[in-house]
């Protein structure tokens, strides 16, 4: 991607990385690790038109969600599949070159370019004080 001068990597994390869900510790830990890996690789990328980001699509009606419900898991508001699809389409395109190493929920106001002005805002869902 760096040699080609363009590339987009888009990972998927889900709420397990952003929030505590009892009885889902392995899932949450693996998703949080994927978020941190995405952030680190984002810091390592040197090519101006190559990015890596990770999205939380929200609760989309899938077989996994049906299984969570079957075992008594709480399901918050469902997200229409078009919301994460729009975010992925945007991140895959040329207009997202300014977004790198971020953890973005499909319901974040990601169309607002000012959202990405604070470097630590969309990193494991917290802002750090240094």
Protein backbone atom coordinates (compact mmCIF):
# COMPACT_ATOMS: atom_id res chain seq x y z
CA UNK A 1 0.00 0.00 0.00
CA UNK A 2 2.81 2.41 0.83
CA UNK A 3 4.56 1.65 -2.48
CA UNK A 4 1.27 2.05 -4.37
CA UNK A 5 0.62 5.36 -2.63
CA UNK A 6 -2.88 4.47 -1.46
CA UNK A 7 -4.47 2.01 0.90
CA UNK A 8 -7.22 1.65 3.45
CA UNK A 9 -7.40 -0.90 6.26
CA UNK A 10 -10.71 -1.02 8.11
CA UNK A 11 -11.05 -3.29 11.14
CA UNK A 12 -14.21 -4.04 13.12
CA UNK A 13 -14.36 -3.96 16.91
CA UNK A 14 -17.84 -3.57 18.28
CA UNK A 15 -19.00 -2.40 21.66
CA UNK A 16 -17.04 -5.13 23.39
CA UNK A 17 -13.96 -2.94 23.07
CA UNK A 18 -15.63 0.22 24.35
CA UNK A 19 -17.84 -1.01 27.16
CA UNK A 20 -17.86 -3.65 29.86
CA UNK A 21 -20.15 -6.57 29.07
CA UNK A 22 -20.23 -9.21 31.83
CA UNK A 23 -19.78 -12.76 30.57
CA UNK A 24 -18.05 -11.51 27.40
CA UNK A 25 -14.53 -10.99 28.78
CA UNK A 26 -12.62 -12.92 26.06
CA UNK A 27 -14.60 -11.13 23.34
CA UNK A 28 -14.06 -7.71 24.93
CA UNK A 29 -10.36 -8.28 25.54
CA UNK A 30 -9.76 -9.41 21.96
CA UNK A 31 -11.66 -6.45 20.53
CA UNK A 32 -9.83 -3.97 22.78
CA UNK A 33 -6.52 -5.50 21.63
CA UNK A 34 -7.57 -5.02 18.01
CA UNK A 35 -8.39 -1.37 18.70
CA UNK A 36 -4.99 -0.77 20.31
CA UNK A 37 -3.20 -2.57 17.45
CA UNK A 38 -5.05 -0.37 14.96
CA UNK A 39 -4.00 2.76 16.87
CA UNK A 40 -0.36 1.69 16.99
CA UNK A 41 -0.20 0.76 13.30
CA UNK A 42 -1.85 4.11 12.55
CA UNK A 43 1.03 5.81 14.37
CA UNK A 44 3.55 3.69 12.45
CA UNK A 45 2.21 4.36 8.94
CA UNK A 46 4.39 6.87 7.14
CA UNK A 47 2.66 7.07 3.74
CA UNK A 48 0.33 10.07 3.43
CA UNK A 49 -2.48 8.23 1.65
CA UNK A 50 -2.48 4.99 3.64
CA UNK A 51 -4.72 4.71 6.70
CA UNK A 52 -5.93 2.16 9.20
CA UNK A 53 -9.06 2.65 11.28
CA UNK A 54 -11.42 0.51 13.29
CA UNK A 55 -15.16 0.84 13.52
CA UNK A 56 -17.83 -0.25 15.94
CA UNK A 57 -20.78 -0.90 13.65
CA UNK A 58 -23.36 -1.05 16.45
CA UNK A 59 -25.84 -3.82 17.14
CA UNK A 60 -26.71 -5.09 13.68
CA UNK A 61 -29.29 -7.86 13.47
CA UNK A 62 -27.03 -10.88 12.83
CA UNK A 63 -26.88 -14.54 13.87
CA UNK A 64 -24.42 -13.57 16.63
CA UNK A 65 -26.90 -11.06 18.01
CA UNK A 66 -29.67 -13.67 17.93
CA UNK A 67 -27.45 -16.01 19.94
CA UNK A 68 -26.74 -13.30 22.50
CA UNK A 69 -30.49 -12.75 22.88
CA UNK A 70 -31.09 -16.49 23.17
CA UNK A 71 -28.77 -16.64 26.18
CA UNK A 72 -30.38 -13.66 27.85
CA UNK A 73 -27.93 -10.98 26.75
CA UNK A 74 -29.08 -7.40 26.68
CA UNK A 75 -29.44 -5.92 23.22
CA UNK A 76 -29.54 -2.18 22.99
CA UNK A 77 -30.95 -0.24 20.08
CA UNK A 78 -30.43 -1.96 16.75
CA UNK A 79 -28.50 -0.16 14.04
CA UNK A 80 -29.69 -0.24 10.46
CA UNK A 81 -26.97 -1.95 8.41
CA UNK A 82 -26.78 1.11 6.15
CA UNK A 83 -25.17 3.17 8.96
CA UNK A 84 -21.94 1.14 9.22
CA UNK A 85 -21.94 0.60 5.45
CA UNK A 86 -21.86 4.39 4.92
CA UNK A 87 -18.97 4.71 7.38
CA UNK A 88 -16.97 1.92 5.72
CA UNK A 89 -17.59 3.43 2.28
CA UNK A 90 -16.37 6.80 3.51
CA UNK A 91 -13.27 5.37 5.22
CA UNK A 92 -12.40 3.37 2.10
CA UNK A 93 -12.43 6.46 -0.11
CA UNK A 94 -10.09 9.33 -0.81
CA UNK A 95 -11.91 11.86 1.41
CA UNK A 96 -10.83 10.08 4.61
CA UNK A 97 -7.06 10.60 4.25
CA UNK A 98 -7.08 12.81 7.39
CA UNK A 99 -8.46 9.96 9.57
CA UNK A 100 -5.93 7.42 10.78
CA UNK A 101 -5.68 5.14 13.82
CA UNK A 102 -9.16 5.99 15.09
CA UNK A 103 -11.91 3.94 16.73
CA UNK A 104 -15.18 5.23 15.26
CA UNK A 105 -18.71 4.14 16.04
CA UNK A 106 -21.13 4.23 13.12
CA UNK A 107 -23.28 6.61 15.18
CA UNK A 108 -20.45 9.08 15.85
CA UNK A 109 -20.77 12.32 13.90
CA UNK A 110 -17.96 11.17 11.59
CA UNK A 111 -19.05 13.53 8.81
CA UNK A 112 -17.97 16.45 11.02
CA UNK A 113 -14.31 16.99 10.11
CA UNK A 114 -13.80 18.78 13.45
CA UNK A 115 -14.41 15.50 15.27
CA UNK A 116 -10.93 14.40 14.28
CA UNK A 117 -9.13 17.54 15.47
CA UNK A 118 -8.48 16.13 18.96
CA UNK A 119 -5.81 13.44 18.49
CA UNK A 120 -6.80 11.24 21.44
CA UNK A 121 -10.58 11.62 21.25
CA UNK A 122 -11.45 8.49 19.28
CA UNK A 123 -8.87 6.19 20.84
CA UNK A 124 -10.33 3.34 22.88
CA UNK A 125 -13.19 5.74 23.65
CA UNK A 126 -11.26 8.02 25.98
CA UNK A 127 -9.32 11.25 26.03
CA UNK A 128 -5.95 11.24 27.77
CA UNK A 129 -4.51 14.11 29.77
CA UNK A 130 -0.76 14.47 29.41
